[in-house]
Amino acid sequence: MKFGNYFLFPFNFILVFLLIFPVTVNAAHSLKKPEKIIKHQEILTLPDQRKILIQLISINKSPDSLLDLNGTSQVIIKDNKNHLLGSIKFDTPNVSFKIYTIQGLPTPLILFAAIDSIGTSAGFYSIYPYAIVNNRIKLLQLNRNKWKLETYSGGFYIGKLPHQEDMGAVFWTCVWGNNEAHIDPHRYAIELYRWNGTVFILSKKWITKDKYSNDEDALKAYGLVKQDLSLDFSNINATH
């Protein structure tokens, strides 16, 4: 009897251990701490020669997944005396920013690109224009999340508008028709914004009457041949 009990105890212990251990591993994996990293930081010089620091912090709740949207991003802007000039929050860990100097617009102009959705062959992202105004970071749009683009066939331009002296922005993206594949011609949705000295105001929007093989041909048809700034954000990935 002792002999049987001697072997029975280790067997039961091992069996219980094997049943519990996978659950423990899975629980530990699910409780993995979000990954918080400084994704990008840059020192800028304002027109008055003051220096400011822009710091983009990515908080990824699923760090093992490169294209997961389960997380947030925070932008912190401080001056050279460590005074906070503002902060911005995005509901995605996939954010990037670029700095521009465009005559006729606030300088420096800071453009943020944030992934909104991920697709198999294309995804969507939004552009947010900011600048330092009266010593604070300010959004140069009336409504946030208005400048939405598709990664496959969308683009935008900011600067002097074609055929006139006004400053503004042009955004475009393809409109998918029934049963249209990527290689098929598409119509394009185009939006034109004017700069009123404070914010960008939607001036006109339309969908092209004809279909075009690419966005460049669609823009040429309306005299909108300009530099596509979306190419500056090629590191933004919204496909899997």
C-alpha atoms as a PDB file:
ATOM      1  CA  MET A   1       0.000   0.000   0.000  1.00  0.00           C
ATOM      2  CA  LYS A   2       2.823   2.377   0.838  1.00  0.00           C
ATOM      3  CA  PHE A   3       4.476   1.454  -2.429  1.00  0.00           C
ATOM      4  CA  GLY A   4       1.320   2.348  -4.362  1.00  0.00           C
ATOM      5  CA  ASN A   5       0.828   5.619  -2.503  1.00  0.00           C
ATOM      6  CA  TYR A   6       4.450   6.540  -3.090  1.00  0.00           C
ATOM      7  CA  PHE A   7       3.981   6.509  -6.868  1.00  0.00           C
ATOM      8  CA  LEU A   8       0.408   7.833  -6.840  1.00  0.00           C
ATOM      9  CA  PHE A   9       1.331  11.191  -5.233  1.00  0.00           C
ATOM     10  CA  PRO A  10       3.943  12.216  -7.843  1.00  0.00           C
ATOM     11  CA  PHE A  11       1.629  11.144 -10.650  1.00  0.00           C
ATOM     12  CA  ASN A  12      -1.250  13.293  -9.370  1.00  0.00           C
ATOM     13  CA  PHE A  13       1.087  16.229  -8.787  1.00  0.00           C
ATOM     14  CA  ILE A  14       2.491  16.044 -12.325  1.00  0.00           C
ATOM     15  CA  LEU A  15      -0.990  15.721 -13.820  1.00  0.00           C
ATOM     16  CA  VAL A  16      -2.254  18.789 -11.986  1.00  0.00           C
ATOM     17  CA  PHE A  17       0.919  20.713 -12.894  1.00  0.00           C
ATOM     18  CA  LEU A  18       0.510  19.923 -16.591  1.00  0.00           C
ATOM     19  CA  LEU A  19      -3.120  21.024 -16.520  1.00  0.00           C
ATOM     20  CA  ILE A  20      -2.366  24.313 -14.776  1.00  0.00           C
ATOM     21  CA  PHE A  21       0.900  25.276 -16.478  1.00  0.00           C
ATOM     22  CA  PRO A  22      -0.506  26.056 -19.974  1.00  0.00           C
ATOM     23  CA  VAL A  23      -3.194  28.236 -18.404  1.00  0.00           C
ATOM     24  CA  THR A  24      -0.549  30.066 -16.412  1.00  0.00           C
ATOM     25  CA  VAL A  25       1.510  30.677 -19.548  1.00  0.00           C
ATOM     26  CA  ASN A  26      -1.505  31.944 -21.468  1.00  0.00           C
ATOM     27  CA  ALA A  27      -2.495  34.216 -18.612  1.00  0.00           C
ATOM     28  CA  ALA A  28       0.998  35.645 -18.441  1.00  0.00           C
ATOM     29  CA  HIS A  29       0.987  36.228 -22.198  1.00  0.00           C
ATOM     30  CA  SER A  30      -2.378  38.014 -22.071  1.00  0.00           C
ATOM     31  CA  LEU A  31      -1.135  40.206 -19.239  1.00  0.00           C
ATOM     32  CA  LYS A  32       1.967  41.277 -21.137  1.00  0.00           C
ATOM     33  CA  LYS A  33       2.628  44.937 -20.451  1.00  0.00           C
ATOM     34  CA  PRO A  34       1.990  47.437 -23.253  1.00  0.00           C
ATOM     35  CA  GLU A  35       5.130  48.525 -25.059  1.00  0.00           C
ATOM     36  CA  LYS A  36       5.775  52.241 -24.550  1.00  0.00           C
ATOM     37  CA  ILE A  37       8.501  53.699 -26.724  1.00  0.00           C
ATOM     38  CA  ILE A  38       9.650  57.081 -27.986  1.00  0.00           C
ATOM     39  CA  LYS A  39       8.994  56.507 -31.664  1.00  0.00           C
ATOM     40  CA  HIS A  40      10.232  59.829 -33.032  1.00  0.00           C
ATOM     41  CA  GLN A  41      11.484  63.094 -31.608  1.00  0.00           C
ATOM     42  CA  GLU A  42      12.730  66.227 -33.270  1.00  0.00           C
ATOM     43  CA  ILE A  43      13.961  69.689 -32.262  1.00  0.00           C
ATOM     44  CA  LEU A  44      12.462  72.555 -34.262  1.00  0.00           C
ATOM     45  CA  THR A  45      13.324  76.227 -34.521  1.00  0.00           C
ATOM     46  CA  LEU A  46      10.417  78.685 -34.423  1.00  0.00           C
ATOM     47  CA  PRO A  47      10.455  81.971 -36.381  1.00  0.00           C
ATOM     48  CA  ASP A  48      11.517  83.782 -33.183  1.00  0.00           C
ATOM     49  CA  GLN A  49      14.516  81.397 -32.982  1.00  0.00           C
ATOM     50  CA  ARG A  50      13.182  79.534 -29.949  1.00  0.00           C
ATOM     51  CA  LYS A  51      13.754  75.795 -29.899  1.00  0.00           C
ATOM     52  CA  ILE A  52      10.956  73.309 -29.246  1.00  0.00           C
ATOM     53  CA  LEU A  53      11.009  69.543 -28.798  1.00  0.00           C
ATOM     54  CA  ILE A  54       8.351  67.337 -30.381  1.00  0.00           C
ATOM     55  CA  GLN A  55       8.223  63.852 -28.914  1.00  0.00           C
ATOM     56  CA  LEU A  56       6.019  61.081 -30.293  1.00  0.00           C
ATOM     57  CA  ILE A  57       5.342  58.275 -27.809  1.00  0.00           C
ATOM     58  CA  SER A  58       3.756  55.047 -29.041  1.00  0.00           C
ATOM     59  CA  ILE A  59       1.869  52.843 -26.570  1.00  0.00           C
ATOM     60  CA  ASN A  60       1.266  49.483 -28.244  1.00  0.00           C
ATOM     61  CA  LYS A  61      -0.969  47.116 -26.269  1.00  0.00           C
ATOM     62  CA  SER A  62      -0.105  44.239 -28.623  1.00  0.00           C
ATOM     63  CA  PRO A  63       3.647  44.667 -29.196  1.00  0.00           C
ATOM     64  CA  ASP A  64       3.967  41.263 -30.901  1.00  0.00           C
ATOM     65  CA  SER A  65       1.728  42.421 -33.758  1.00  0.00           C
ATOM     66  CA  LEU A  66       3.402  44.992 -36.010  1.00  0.00           C
ATOM     67  CA  LEU A  67       0.158  46.209 -37.573  1.00  0.00           C
ATOM     68  CA  ASP A  68      -2.156  45.974 -34.589  1.00  0.00           C
ATOM     69  CA  LEU A  69      -4.254  49.067 -33.825  1.00  0.00           C
ATOM     70  CA  ASN A  70      -4.687  48.129 -30.175  1.00  0.00           C
ATOM     71  CA  GLY A  71      -2.907  51.054 -28.601  1.00  0.00           C
ATOM     72  CA  THR A  72      -2.505  54.815 -28.558  1.00  0.00           C
ATOM     73  CA  SER A  73       0.030  57.520 -29.330  1.00  0.00           C
ATOM     74  CA  GLN A  74       0.812  60.709 -27.483  1.00  0.00           C
ATOM     75  CA  VAL A  75       2.638  63.756 -28.769  1.00  0.00           C
ATOM     76  CA  ILE A  76       4.302  66.090 -26.266  1.00  0.00           C
ATOM     77  CA  ILE A  77       5.621  69.513 -27.272  1.00  0.00           C
ATOM     78  CA  LYS A  78       7.921  71.480 -24.943  1.00  0.00           C
ATOM     79  CA  ASP A  79      10.085  74.562 -25.313  1.00  0.00           C
ATOM     80  CA  ASN A  80      13.757  74.840 -24.397  1.00  0.00           C
ATOM     81  CA  LYS A  81      12.775  75.786 -20.834  1.00  0.00           C
ATOM     82  CA  ASN A  82      10.780  72.552 -20.518  1.00  0.00           C
ATOM     83  CA  HIS A  83       7.463  74.434 -20.586  1.00  0.00           C
ATOM     84  CA  LEU A  84       4.622  72.350 -22.023  1.00  0.00           C
ATOM     85  CA  LEU A  85       3.209  73.882 -25.212  1.00  0.00           C
ATOM     86  CA  GLY A  86       0.597  71.192 -25.607  1.00  0.00           C
ATOM     87  CA  SER A  87      -0.047  67.497 -26.128  1.00  0.00           C
ATOM     88  CA  ILE A  88      -1.986  65.467 -28.685  1.00  0.00           C
ATOM     89  CA  LYS A  89      -3.479  61.989 -28.342  1.00  0.00           C
ATOM     90  CA  PHE A  90      -4.191  59.556 -31.182  1.00  0.00           C
ATOM     91  CA  ASP A  91      -6.218  56.361 -30.806  1.00  0.00           C
ATOM     92  CA  THR A  92      -3.665  54.259 -32.669  1.00  0.00           C
ATOM     93  CA  PRO A  93      -0.033  53.279 -32.017  1.00  0.00           C
ATOM     94  CA  ASN A  94       0.768  53.782 -35.720  1.00  0.00           C
ATOM     95  CA  VAL A  95       1.538  57.497 -36.089  1.00  0.00           C
ATOM     96  CA  SER A  96       4.242  59.444 -37.912  1.00  0.00           C
ATOM     97  CA  PHE A  97       4.990  63.132 -38.409  1.00  0.00           C
ATOM     98  CA  LYS A  98       6.891  65.346 -40.836  1.00  0.00           C
ATOM     99  CA  ILE A  99       7.956  68.983 -40.644  1.00  0.00           C
ATOM    100  CA  TYR A 100       7.426  71.462 -43.499  1.00  0.00           C
ATOM    101  CA  THR A 101       8.241  75.077 -44.240  1.00  0.00           C
ATOM    102  CA  ILE A 102       5.684  76.384 -46.734  1.00  0.00           C
ATOM    103  CA  GLN A 103       5.633  80.097 -47.523  1.00  0.00           C
ATOM    104  CA  GLY A 104       2.244  81.597 -46.720  1.00  0.00           C
ATOM    105  CA  LEU A 105       1.412  79.056 -44.002  1.00  0.00           C
ATOM    106  CA  PRO A 106       2.373  78.865 -40.305  1.00  0.00           C
ATOM    107  CA  THR A 107       5.998  77.801 -39.904  1.00  0.00           C
ATOM    108  CA  PRO A 108       6.953  75.174 -39.066  1.00  0.00           C
ATOM    109  CA  LEU A 109       3.947  73.210 -40.312  1.00  0.00           C
ATOM    110  CA  ILE A 110       3.706  69.829 -38.578  1.00  0.00           C
ATOM    111  CA  LEU A 111       1.781  67.081 -40.374  1.00  0.00           C
ATOM    112  CA  PHE A 112       0.781  63.952 -38.474  1.00  0.00           C
ATOM    113  CA  ALA A 113      -0.328  60.766 -40.244  1.00  0.00           C
ATOM    114  CA  ALA A 114      -2.329  58.250 -38.178  1.00  0.00           C
ATOM    115  CA  ILE A 115      -3.516  54.826 -39.333  1.00  0.00           C
ATOM    116  CA  ASP A 116      -7.312  54.447 -39.048  1.00  0.00           C
ATOM    117  CA  SER A 117      -7.843  50.954 -40.443  1.00  0.00           C
ATOM    118  CA  ILE A 118      -5.820  48.074 -41.842  1.00  0.00           C
ATOM    119  CA  GLY A 119      -6.686  46.061 -44.938  1.00  0.00           C
ATOM    120  CA  THR A 120      -5.240  43.223 -46.979  1.00  0.00           C
ATOM    121  CA  SER A 121      -4.166  45.344 -49.942  1.00  0.00           C
ATOM    122  CA  ALA A 122      -4.943  48.864 -48.728  1.00  0.00           C
ATOM    123  CA  GLY A 123      -5.776  50.722 -45.566  1.00  0.00           C
ATOM    124  CA  PHE A 124      -6.877  54.174 -44.463  1.00  0.00           C
ATOM    125  CA  TYR A 125      -5.074  56.912 -42.598  1.00  0.00           C
ATOM    126  CA  SER A 126      -5.753  60.538 -41.674  1.00  0.00           C
ATOM    127  CA  ILE A 127      -3.597  63.652 -41.932  1.00  0.00           C
ATOM    128  CA  TYR A 128      -3.653  66.283 -39.171  1.00  0.00           C
ATOM    129  CA  PRO A 129      -1.991  69.708 -39.718  1.00  0.00           C
ATOM    130  CA  TYR A 130      -0.635  71.469 -36.616  1.00  0.00           C
ATOM    131  CA  ALA A 131       1.444  74.553 -35.887  1.00  0.00           C
ATOM    132  CA  ILE A 132       2.628  76.546 -32.888  1.00  0.00           C
ATOM    133  CA  VAL A 133       0.263  79.532 -32.577  1.00  0.00           C
ATOM    134  CA  ASN A 134       0.454  81.954 -29.634  1.00  0.00           C
ATOM    135  CA  ASN A 135       2.873  79.634 -27.877  1.00  0.00           C
ATOM    136  CA  ARG A 136       0.487  76.659 -28.056  1.00  0.00           C
ATOM    137  CA  ILE A 137       0.115  73.720 -30.413  1.00  0.00           C
ATOM    138  CA  LYS A 138      -2.956  74.275 -32.600  1.00  0.00           C
ATOM    139  CA  LEU A 139      -4.893  72.087 -35.032  1.00  0.00           C
ATOM    140  CA  LEU A 140      -5.350  73.896 -38.350  1.00  0.00           C
ATOM    141  CA  GLN A 141      -8.624  72.140 -39.186  1.00  0.00           C
ATOM    142  CA  LEU A 142     -12.208  72.928 -38.230  1.00  0.00           C
ATOM    143  CA  ASN A 143     -12.959  69.270 -37.609  1.00  0.00           C
ATOM    144  CA  ARG A 144     -10.528  66.555 -36.659  1.00  0.00           C
ATOM    145  CA  ASN A 145     -10.286  63.420 -38.808  1.00  0.00           C
ATOM    146  CA  LYS A 146     -11.512  65.064 -42.018  1.00  0.00           C
ATOM    147  CA  TRP A 147      -8.454  64.424 -44.189  1.00  0.00           C
ATOM    148  CA  LYS A 148      -8.808  60.672 -44.676  1.00  0.00           C
ATOM    149  CA  LEU A 149      -6.820  58.876 -47.383  1.00  0.00           C
ATOM    150  CA  GLU A 150      -6.420  55.390 -48.787  1.00  0.00           C
ATOM    151  CA  THR A 151      -2.872  54.053 -48.831  1.00  0.00           C
ATOM    152  CA  TYR A 152      -3.250  52.405 -52.239  1.00  0.00           C
ATOM    153  CA  SER A 153      -4.415  55.318 -54.397  1.00  0.00           C
ATOM    154  CA  GLY A 154      -4.820  58.454 -52.300  1.00  0.00           C
ATOM    155  CA  GLY A 155      -2.636  61.505 -51.888  1.00  0.00           C
ATOM    156  CA  PHE A 156      -2.524  65.154 -50.889  1.00  0.00           C
ATOM    157  CA  TYR A 157      -0.824  68.458 -51.557  1.00  0.00           C
ATOM    158  CA  ILE A 158      -0.491  71.553 -49.337  1.00  0.00           C
ATOM    159  CA  GLY A 159       0.672  74.906 -50.682  1.00  0.00           C
ATOM    160  CA  LYS A 160      -0.353  77.382 -53.364  1.00  0.00           C
ATOM    161  CA  LEU A 161      -3.506  76.232 -55.124  1.00  0.00           C
ATOM    162  CA  PRO A 162      -3.394  75.774 -58.910  1.00  0.00           C
ATOM    163  CA  HIS A 163      -4.435  78.692 -61.145  1.00  0.00           C
ATOM    164  CA  GLN A 164      -4.694  81.174 -58.232  1.00  0.00           C
ATOM    165  CA  GLU A 165      -2.756  82.894 -55.489  1.00  0.00           C
ATOM    166  CA  ASP A 166      -4.654  81.309 -52.593  1.00  0.00           C
ATOM    167  CA  MET A 167      -2.952  78.880 -50.242  1.00  0.00           C
ATOM    168  CA  GLY A 168      -4.695  75.652 -49.420  1.00  0.00           C
ATOM    169  CA  ALA A 169      -4.724  71.878 -49.718  1.00  0.00           C
ATOM    170  CA  VAL A 170      -5.901  69.244 -52.175  1.00  0.00           C
ATOM    171  CA  PHE A 171      -6.812  65.696 -51.140  1.00  0.00           C
ATOM    172  CA  TRP A 172      -7.785  62.823 -53.388  1.00  0.00           C
ATOM    173  CA  THR A 173      -8.588  59.122 -53.187  1.00  0.00           C
ATOM    174  CA  CYS A 174     -10.085  56.576 -55.568  1.00  0.00           C
ATOM    175  CA  VAL A 175     -13.750  55.591 -55.457  1.00  0.00           C
ATOM    176  CA  TRP A 176     -14.189  51.849 -55.781  1.00  0.00           C
ATOM    177  CA  GLY A 177     -16.889  50.783 -58.231  1.00  0.00           C
ATOM    178  CA  ASN A 178     -18.696  47.459 -58.236  1.00  0.00           C
ATOM    179  CA  ASN A 179     -16.380  44.560 -59.068  1.00  0.00           C
ATOM    180  CA  GLU A 180     -13.418  46.884 -59.694  1.00  0.00           C
ATOM    181  CA  ALA A 181      -9.963  45.463 -59.045  1.00  0.00           C
ATOM    182  CA  HIS A 182      -6.834  47.444 -58.251  1.00  0.00           C
ATOM    183  CA  ILE A 183      -5.673  47.374 -61.866  1.00  0.00           C
ATOM    184  CA  ASP A 184      -9.001  48.691 -63.185  1.00  0.00           C
ATOM    185  CA  PRO A 185      -9.635  52.401 -63.873  1.00  0.00           C
ATOM    186  CA  HIS A 186     -11.462  54.240 -61.067  1.00  0.00           C
ATOM    187  CA  ARG A 187     -13.236  57.475 -60.437  1.00  0.00           C
ATOM    188  CA  TYR A 188     -11.572  59.756 -57.903  1.00  0.00           C
ATOM    189  CA  ALA A 189     -12.971  61.854 -55.073  1.00  0.00           C
ATOM    190  CA  ILE A 190     -11.183  65.210 -54.847  1.00  0.00           C
ATOM    191  CA  GLU A 191     -11.438  67.792 -52.067  1.00  0.00           C
ATOM    192  CA  LEU A 192     -10.074  71.334 -52.259  1.00  0.00           C
ATOM    193  CA  TYR A 193      -9.425  73.378 -49.093  1.00  0.00           C
ATOM    194  CA  ARG A 194      -8.574  77.072 -48.838  1.00  0.00           C
ATOM    195  CA  TRP A 195      -6.406  78.603 -46.137  1.00  0.00           C
ATOM    196  CA  ASN A 196      -8.275  81.527 -44.507  1.00  0.00           C
ATOM    197  CA  GLY A 197      -5.339  82.687 -42.405  1.00  0.00           C
ATOM    198  CA  THR A 198      -6.350  80.574 -39.422  1.00  0.00           C
ATOM    199  CA  VAL A 199      -7.561  77.156 -40.592  1.00  0.00           C
ATOM    200  CA  PHE A 200      -8.130  75.156 -43.776  1.00  0.00           C
ATOM    201  CA  ILE A 201     -11.735  75.501 -45.001  1.00  0.00           C
ATOM    202  CA  LEU A 202     -13.377  73.042 -47.405  1.00  0.00           C
ATOM    203  CA  SER A 203     -14.027  74.982 -50.608  1.00  0.00           C
ATOM    204  CA  LYS A 204     -15.099  72.339 -53.096  1.00  0.00           C
ATOM    205  CA  LYS A 205     -15.371  68.582 -53.461  1.00  0.00           C
ATOM    206  CA  TRP A 206     -16.351  66.381 -56.373  1.00  0.00           C
ATOM    207  CA  ILE A 207     -16.079  62.927 -57.913  1.00  0.00           C
ATOM    208  CA  THR A 208     -14.528  62.718 -61.354  1.00  0.00           C
ATOM    209  CA  LYS A 209     -16.950  62.032 -64.171  1.00  0.00           C
ATOM    210  CA  ASP A 210     -14.537  59.711 -65.954  1.00  0.00           C
ATOM    211  CA  LYS A 211     -12.467  56.802 -64.709  1.00  0.00           C
ATOM    212  CA  TYR A 212      -8.677  56.936 -64.725  1.00  0.00           C
ATOM    213  CA  SER A 213      -5.923  54.356 -64.556  1.00  0.00           C
ATOM    214  CA  ASN A 214      -4.107  56.286 -61.818  1.00  0.00           C
ATOM    215  CA  ASP A 215      -4.443  59.346 -59.617  1.00  0.00           C
ATOM    216  CA  GLU A 216      -1.906  61.346 -61.629  1.00  0.00           C
ATOM    217  CA  ASP A 217      -4.075  61.190 -64.758  1.00  0.00           C
ATOM    218  CA  ALA A 218      -7.162  62.111 -62.725  1.00  0.00           C
ATOM    219  CA  LEU A 219      -5.428  65.185 -61.289  1.00  0.00           C
ATOM    220  CA  LYS A 220      -4.085  66.276 -64.686  1.00  0.00           C
ATOM    221  CA  ALA A 221      -7.619  66.283 -66.077  1.00  0.00           C
ATOM    222  CA  TYR A 222      -8.504  69.013 -63.557  1.00  0.00           C
ATOM    223  CA  GLY A 223      -5.247  70.944 -63.697  1.00  0.00           C
ATOM    224  CA  LEU A 224      -4.137  69.722 -60.293  1.00  0.00           C
ATOM    225  CA  VAL A 225      -0.625  68.556 -61.073  1.00  0.00           C
ATOM    226  CA  LYS A 226       1.259  69.090 -57.814  1.00  0.00           C
ATOM    227  CA  GLN A 227       3.724  67.329 -55.525  1.00  0.00           C
ATOM    228  CA  ASP A 228       2.128  64.405 -53.686  1.00  0.00           C
ATOM    229  CA  LEU A 229       3.129  64.819 -50.028  1.00  0.00           C
ATOM    230  CA  SER A 230       1.740  61.395 -49.136  1.00  0.00           C
ATOM    231  CA  LEU A 231       4.970  59.956 -50.561  1.00  0.00           C
ATOM    232  CA  ASP A 232       6.762  61.477 -47.564  1.00  0.00           C
ATOM    233  CA  PHE A 233       4.818  59.080 -45.341  1.00  0.00           C
ATOM    234  CA  SER A 234       5.782  55.867 -47.115  1.00  0.00           C
ATOM    235  CA  ASN A 235       6.814  54.430 -43.739  1.00  0.00           C
ATOM    236  CA  ILE A 236       3.142  54.399 -42.718  1.00  0.00           C
ATOM    237  CA  ASN A 237       1.918  50.843 -43.277  1.00  0.00           C
ATOM    238  CA  ALA A 238      -1.765  49.896 -43.250  1.00  0.00           C
ATOM    239  CA  THR A 239      -1.745  46.542 -45.022  1.00  0.00           C
ATOM    240  CA  HIS A 240      -1.155  43.006 -43.869  1.00  0.00           C
END
